[in-house]
Amino acid sequence: MAGEFRSDVDPEQLYISIAALGHFYLGNHYTLSAIFGRDLLAPREKASRLRYMIELVLGYLRKA
């Protein structure tokens, strides 16, 4: 596990990005739900979004 992640990541920028991913989704769920025609606060939708966010962040953090 050691050495699996990049060493050049700015932790403050990463934190801001992770917070933004969650905030945008939750802060705009009414509009996004209307646009996409589904309830983005339904448990299944939230779980799907969380999995996507985790993969997105880990994809950034992992070494190429």
PDB file of N, CA and C in Angstrom:
ATOM      1  N   MET A   1       0.824  -1.191   0.000  1.00  0.00           N
ATOM      2  CA  MET A   1       0.000   0.000   0.000  1.00  0.00           C
ATOM      3  C   MET A   1       0.870   1.257   0.000  1.00  0.00           C
ATOM      4  N   ALA A   2       1.998   1.223   0.659  1.00  0.00           N
ATOM      5  CA  ALA A   2       2.886   2.386   0.703  1.00  0.00           C
ATOM      6  C   ALA A   2       3.384   2.701  -0.701  1.00  0.00           C
ATOM      7  N   GLY A   3       3.384   3.982  -1.032  1.00  0.00           N
ATOM      8  CA  GLY A   3       3.848   4.407  -2.342  1.00  0.00           C
ATOM      9  C   GLY A   3       2.806   4.297  -3.436  1.00  0.00           C
ATOM     10  N   GLU A   4       1.579   3.954  -3.078  1.00  0.00           N
ATOM     11  CA  GLU A   4       0.508   3.783  -4.063  1.00  0.00           C
ATOM     12  C   GLU A   4      -0.001   5.125  -4.586  1.00  0.00           C
ATOM     13  N   PHE A   5       0.109   6.166  -3.762  1.00  0.00           N
ATOM     14  CA  PHE A   5      -0.445   7.465  -4.127  1.00  0.00           C
ATOM     15  C   PHE A   5       0.633   8.456  -4.554  1.00  0.00           C
ATOM     16  N   ARG A   6       0.216   9.414  -5.342  1.00  0.00           N
ATOM     17  CA  ARG A   6       1.107  10.476  -5.789  1.00  0.00           C
ATOM     18  C   ARG A   6       1.614  11.271  -4.587  1.00  0.00           C
ATOM     19  N   SER A   7       2.798  11.809  -4.720  1.00  0.00           N
ATOM     20  CA  SER A   7       3.361  12.603  -3.626  1.00  0.00           C
ATOM     21  C   SER A   7       3.256  14.105  -3.896  1.00  0.00           C
ATOM     22  N   ASP A   8       2.776  14.483  -5.073  1.00  0.00           N
ATOM     23  CA  ASP A   8       2.739  15.895  -5.451  1.00  0.00           C
ATOM     24  C   ASP A   8       1.359  16.534  -5.303  1.00  0.00           C
ATOM     25  N   VAL A   9       0.504  15.944  -4.482  1.00  0.00           N
ATOM     26  CA  VAL A   9      -0.855  16.444  -4.307  1.00  0.00           C
ATOM     27  C   VAL A   9      -0.874  17.513  -3.224  1.00  0.00           C
ATOM     28  N   ASP A  10      -1.489  18.637  -3.546  1.00  0.00           N
ATOM     29  CA  ASP A  10      -1.673  19.715  -2.574  1.00  0.00           C
ATOM     30  C   ASP A  10      -2.892  19.349  -1.714  1.00  0.00           C
ATOM     31  N   PRO A  11      -2.697  19.069  -0.434  1.00  0.00           N
ATOM     32  CA  PRO A  11      -3.815  18.610   0.400  1.00  0.00           C
ATOM     33  C   PRO A  11      -4.944  19.634   0.531  1.00  0.00           C
ATOM     34  N   GLU A  12      -4.615  20.907   0.536  1.00  0.00           N
ATOM     35  CA  GLU A  12      -5.664  21.921   0.631  1.00  0.00           C
ATOM     36  C   GLU A  12      -6.510  21.958  -0.636  1.00  0.00           C
ATOM     37  N   GLN A  13      -5.860  21.875  -1.791  1.00  0.00           N
ATOM     38  CA  GLN A  13      -6.601  21.855  -3.046  1.00  0.00           C
ATOM     39  C   GLN A  13      -7.461  20.590  -3.153  1.00  0.00           C
ATOM     40  N   LEU A  14      -6.917  19.481  -2.700  1.00  0.00           N
ATOM     41  CA  LEU A  14      -7.675  18.225  -2.718  1.00  0.00           C
ATOM     42  C   LEU A  14      -8.905  18.339  -1.822  1.00  0.00           C
ATOM     43  N   TYR A  15      -8.725  18.888  -0.644  1.00  0.00           N
ATOM     44  CA  TYR A  15      -9.856  19.071   0.281  1.00  0.00           C
ATOM     45  C   TYR A  15     -10.937  19.937  -0.346  1.00  0.00           C
ATOM     46  N   ILE A  16     -10.543  21.056  -0.943  1.00  0.00           N
ATOM     47  CA  ILE A  16     -11.507  21.959  -1.575  1.00  0.00           C
ATOM     48  C   ILE A  16     -12.252  21.240  -2.695  1.00  0.00           C
ATOM     49  N   SER A  17     -11.545  20.455  -3.467  1.00  0.00           N
ATOM     50  CA  SER A  17     -12.168  19.721  -4.571  1.00  0.00           C
ATOM     51  C   SER A  17     -13.169  18.686  -4.073  1.00  0.00           C
ATOM     52  N   ILE A  18     -12.810  17.954  -3.037  1.00  0.00           N
ATOM     53  CA  ILE A  18     -13.720  16.957  -2.477  1.00  0.00           C
ATOM     54  C   ILE A  18     -14.965  17.641  -1.907  1.00  0.00           C
ATOM     55  N   ALA A  19     -14.778  18.728  -1.186  1.00  0.00           N
ATOM     56  CA  ALA A  19     -15.911  19.464  -0.629  1.00  0.00           C
ATOM     57  C   ALA A  19     -16.806  19.995  -1.747  1.00  0.00           C
ATOM     58  N   ALA A  20     -16.206  20.478  -2.819  1.00  0.00           N
ATOM     59  CA  ALA A  20     -16.980  21.010  -3.942  1.00  0.00           C
ATOM     60  C   ALA A  20     -17.802  19.918  -4.613  1.00  0.00           C
ATOM     61  N   LEU A  21     -17.237  18.731  -4.753  1.00  0.00           N
ATOM     62  CA  LEU A  21     -17.976  17.620  -5.359  1.00  0.00           C
ATOM     63  C   LEU A  21     -19.258  17.326  -4.585  1.00  0.00           C
ATOM     64  N   GLY A  22     -19.154  17.283  -3.281  1.00  0.00           N
ATOM     65  CA  GLY A  22     -20.325  17.009  -2.454  1.00  0.00           C
ATOM     66  C   GLY A  22     -21.286  18.180  -2.389  1.00  0.00           C
ATOM     67  N   HIS A  23     -20.756  19.371  -2.248  1.00  0.00           N
ATOM     68  CA  HIS A  23     -21.606  20.552  -2.096  1.00  0.00           C
ATOM     69  C   HIS A  23     -22.428  20.820  -3.354  1.00  0.00           C
ATOM     70  N   PHE A  24     -21.812  20.740  -4.502  1.00  0.00           N
ATOM     71  CA  PHE A  24     -22.543  21.020  -5.743  1.00  0.00           C
ATOM     72  C   PHE A  24     -23.708  20.046  -5.903  1.00  0.00           C
ATOM     73  N   TYR A  25     -23.451  18.778  -5.676  1.00  0.00           N
ATOM     74  CA  TYR A  25     -24.493  17.754  -5.823  1.00  0.00           C
ATOM     75  C   TYR A  25     -25.647  18.008  -4.859  1.00  0.00           C
ATOM     76  N   LEU A  26     -25.316  18.214  -3.597  1.00  0.00           N
ATOM     77  CA  LEU A  26     -26.368  18.398  -2.599  1.00  0.00           C
ATOM     78  C   LEU A  26     -27.034  19.768  -2.713  1.00  0.00           C
ATOM     79  N   GLY A  27     -26.247  20.791  -3.001  1.00  0.00           N
ATOM     80  CA  GLY A  27     -26.788  22.146  -3.087  1.00  0.00           C
ATOM     81  C   GLY A  27     -27.649  22.392  -4.314  1.00  0.00           C
ATOM     82  N   ASN A  28     -27.518  21.550  -5.310  1.00  0.00           N
ATOM     83  CA  ASN A  28     -28.267  21.724  -6.554  1.00  0.00           C
ATOM     84  C   ASN A  28     -29.151  20.522  -6.881  1.00  0.00           C
ATOM     85  N   HIS A  29     -29.450  19.717  -5.884  1.00  0.00           N
ATOM     86  CA  HIS A  29     -30.183  18.486  -6.157  1.00  0.00           C
ATOM     87  C   HIS A  29     -31.561  18.728  -6.738  1.00  0.00           C
ATOM     88  N   TYR A  30     -32.244  19.794  -6.358  1.00  0.00           N
ATOM     89  CA  TYR A  30     -33.567  20.062  -6.936  1.00  0.00           C
ATOM     90  C   TYR A  30     -33.462  20.323  -8.432  1.00  0.00           C
ATOM     91  N   THR A  31     -32.571  21.209  -8.801  1.00  0.00           N
ATOM     92  CA  THR A  31     -32.387  21.552 -10.211  1.00  0.00           C
ATOM     93  C   THR A  31     -31.891  20.351 -11.003  1.00  0.00           C
ATOM     94  N   LEU A  32     -30.869  19.670 -10.479  1.00  0.00           N
ATOM     95  CA  LEU A  32     -30.320  18.516 -11.188  1.00  0.00           C
ATOM     96  C   LEU A  32     -31.342  17.392 -11.302  1.00  0.00           C
ATOM     97  N   SER A  33     -32.143  17.179 -10.265  1.00  0.00           N
ATOM     98  CA  SER A  33     -33.179  16.150 -10.317  1.00  0.00           C
ATOM     99  C   SER A  33     -34.200  16.473 -11.403  1.00  0.00           C
ATOM    100  N   ALA A  34     -34.572  17.747 -11.511  1.00  0.00           N
ATOM    101  CA  ALA A  34     -35.523  18.155 -12.548  1.00  0.00           C
ATOM    102  C   ALA A  34     -34.917  17.980 -13.940  1.00  0.00           C
ATOM    103  N   ILE A  35     -33.682  18.380 -14.102  1.00  0.00           N
ATOM    104  CA  ILE A  35     -33.021  18.275 -15.406  1.00  0.00           C
ATOM    105  C   ILE A  35     -32.891  16.817 -15.841  1.00  0.00           C
ATOM    106  N   PHE A  36     -32.478  15.947 -14.930  1.00  0.00           N
ATOM    107  CA  PHE A  36     -32.212  14.555 -15.275  1.00  0.00           C
ATOM    108  C   PHE A  36     -33.419  13.629 -15.076  1.00  0.00           C
ATOM    109  N   GLY A  37     -34.489  14.183 -14.490  1.00  0.00           N
ATOM    110  CA  GLY A  37     -35.716  13.403 -14.341  1.00  0.00           C
ATOM    111  C   GLY A  37     -35.634  12.258 -13.357  1.00  0.00           C
ATOM    112  N   ARG A  38     -34.849  12.452 -12.313  1.00  0.00           N
ATOM    113  CA  ARG A  38     -34.780  11.428 -11.263  1.00  0.00           C
ATOM    114  C   ARG A  38     -34.445  12.095  -9.929  1.00  0.00           C
ATOM    115  N   ASP A  39     -34.810  11.431  -8.845  1.00  0.00           N
ATOM    116  CA  ASP A  39     -34.597  11.965  -7.498  1.00  0.00           C
ATOM    117  C   ASP A  39     -33.171  11.679  -7.059  1.00  0.00           C
ATOM    118  N   LEU A  40     -32.330  12.693  -7.103  1.00  0.00           N
ATOM    119  CA  LEU A  40     -30.924  12.516  -6.762  1.00  0.00           C
ATOM    120  C   LEU A  40     -30.678  12.353  -5.266  1.00  0.00           C
ATOM    121  N   LEU A  41     -31.719  12.525  -4.451  1.00  0.00           N
ATOM    122  CA  LEU A  41     -31.571  12.280  -3.018  1.00  0.00           C
ATOM    123  C   LEU A  41     -32.080  10.895  -2.606  1.00  0.00           C
ATOM    124  N   ALA A  42     -32.547  10.125  -3.560  1.00  0.00           N
ATOM    125  CA  ALA A  42     -32.955   8.752  -3.255  1.00  0.00           C
ATOM    126  C   ALA A  42     -31.715   7.984  -2.804  1.00  0.00           C
ATOM    127  N   PRO A  43     -31.872   7.078  -1.845  1.00  0.00           N
ATOM    128  CA  PRO A  43     -30.700   6.355  -1.326  1.00  0.00           C
ATOM    129  C   PRO A  43     -29.834   5.718  -2.409  1.00  0.00           C
ATOM    130  N   ARG A  44     -30.445   5.124  -3.392  1.00  0.00           N
ATOM    131  CA  ARG A  44     -29.680   4.476  -4.464  1.00  0.00           C
ATOM    132  C   ARG A  44     -28.864   5.499  -5.266  1.00  0.00           C
ATOM    133  N   GLU A  45     -29.453   6.658  -5.535  1.00  0.00           N
ATOM    134  CA  GLU A  45     -28.765   7.714  -6.283  1.00  0.00           C
ATOM    135  C   GLU A  45     -27.591   8.275  -5.485  1.00  0.00           C
ATOM    136  N   LYS A  46     -27.801   8.493  -4.190  1.00  0.00           N
ATOM    137  CA  LYS A  46     -26.711   9.009  -3.354  1.00  0.00           C
ATOM    138  C   LYS A  46     -25.570   8.007  -3.251  1.00  0.00           C
ATOM    139  N   ALA A  47     -25.909   6.739  -3.122  1.00  0.00           N
ATOM    140  CA  ALA A  47     -24.868   5.700  -3.047  1.00  0.00           C
ATOM    141  C   ALA A  47     -24.081   5.637  -4.355  1.00  0.00           C
ATOM    142  N   SER A  48     -24.782   5.761  -5.455  1.00  0.00           N
ATOM    143  CA  SER A  48     -24.119   5.754  -6.763  1.00  0.00           C
ATOM    144  C   SER A  48     -23.185   6.947  -6.900  1.00  0.00           C
ATOM    145  N   ARG A  49     -23.656   8.105  -6.473  1.00  0.00           N
ATOM    146  CA  ARG A  49     -22.827   9.317  -6.550  1.00  0.00           C
ATOM    147  C   ARG A  49     -21.592   9.182  -5.668  1.00  0.00           C
ATOM    148  N   LEU A  50     -21.754   8.648  -4.471  1.00  0.00           N
ATOM    149  CA  LEU A  50     -20.620   8.472  -3.563  1.00  0.00           C
ATOM    150  C   LEU A  50     -19.575   7.540  -4.177  1.00  0.00           C
ATOM    151  N   ARG A  51     -20.025   6.425  -4.768  1.00  0.00           N
ATOM    152  CA  ARG A  51     -19.078   5.521  -5.424  1.00  0.00           C
ATOM    153  C   ARG A  51     -18.317   6.238  -6.538  1.00  0.00           C
ATOM    154  N   TYR A  52     -19.035   7.048  -7.320  1.00  0.00           N
ATOM    155  CA  TYR A  52     -18.400   7.782  -8.410  1.00  0.00           C
ATOM    156  C   TYR A  52     -17.368   8.770  -7.870  1.00  0.00           C
ATOM    157  N   MET A  53     -17.724   9.494  -6.822  1.00  0.00           N
ATOM    158  CA  MET A  53     -16.805  10.474  -6.233  1.00  0.00           C
ATOM    159  C   MET A  53     -15.548   9.789  -5.696  1.00  0.00           C
ATOM    160  N   ILE A  54     -15.711   8.646  -5.053  1.00  0.00           N
ATOM    161  CA  ILE A  54     -14.563   7.913  -4.526  1.00  0.00           C
ATOM    162  C   ILE A  54     -13.639   7.492  -5.660  1.00  0.00           C
ATOM    163  N   GLU A  55     -14.206   6.940  -6.720  1.00  0.00           N
ATOM    164  CA  GLU A  55     -13.387   6.524  -7.867  1.00  0.00           C
ATOM    165  C   GLU A  55     -12.698   7.711  -8.532  1.00  0.00           C
ATOM    166  N   LEU A  56     -13.390   8.829  -8.605  1.00  0.00           N
ATOM    167  CA  LEU A  56     -12.808  10.031  -9.197  1.00  0.00           C
ATOM    168  C   LEU A  56     -11.603  10.510  -8.395  1.00  0.00           C
ATOM    169  N   VAL A  57     -11.756  10.597  -7.093  1.00  0.00           N
ATOM    170  CA  VAL A  57     -10.672  11.076  -6.228  1.00  0.00           C
ATOM    171  C   VAL A  57      -9.517  10.071  -6.203  1.00  0.00           C
ATOM    172  N   LEU A  58      -9.837   8.797  -6.072  1.00  0.00           N
ATOM    173  CA  LEU A  58      -8.770   7.794  -6.058  1.00  0.00           C
ATOM    174  C   LEU A  58      -8.042   7.742  -7.407  1.00  0.00           C
ATOM    175  N   GLY A  59      -8.769   7.931  -8.486  1.00  0.00           N
ATOM    176  CA  GLY A  59      -8.144   7.968  -9.800  1.00  0.00           C
ATOM    177  C   GLY A  59      -7.126   9.096  -9.916  1.00  0.00           C
ATOM    178  N   TYR A  60      -7.440  10.211  -9.283  1.00  0.00           N
ATOM    179  CA  TYR A  60      -6.516  11.347  -9.262  1.00  0.00           C
ATOM    180  C   TYR A  60      -5.301  11.060  -8.376  1.00  0.00           C
ATOM    181  N   LEU A  61      -5.549  10.424  -7.245  1.00  0.00           N
ATOM    182  CA  LEU A  61      -4.493  10.225  -6.255  1.00  0.00           C
ATOM    183  C   LEU A  61      -3.525   9.093  -6.595  1.00  0.00           C
ATOM    184  N   ARG A  62      -4.011   8.084  -7.302  1.00  0.00           N
ATOM    185  CA  ARG A  62      -3.151   6.932  -7.614  1.00  0.00           C
ATOM    186  C   ARG A  62      -2.069   7.314  -8.609  1.00  0.00           C
ATOM    187  N   LYS A  63      -0.927   6.700  -8.421  1.00  0.00           N
ATOM    188  CA  LYS A  63       0.170   6.890  -9.373  1.00  0.00           C
ATOM    189  C   LYS A  63      -0.210   6.267 -10.713  1.00  0.00           C
ATOM    190  N   ALA A  64       0.249   6.886 -11.780  1.00  0.00           N
ATOM    191  CA  ALA A  64      -0.060   6.364 -13.130  1.00  0.00           C
ATOM    192  C   ALA A  64       0.722   5.102 -13.420  1.00  0.00           C
TER     193      ALA A  64
END
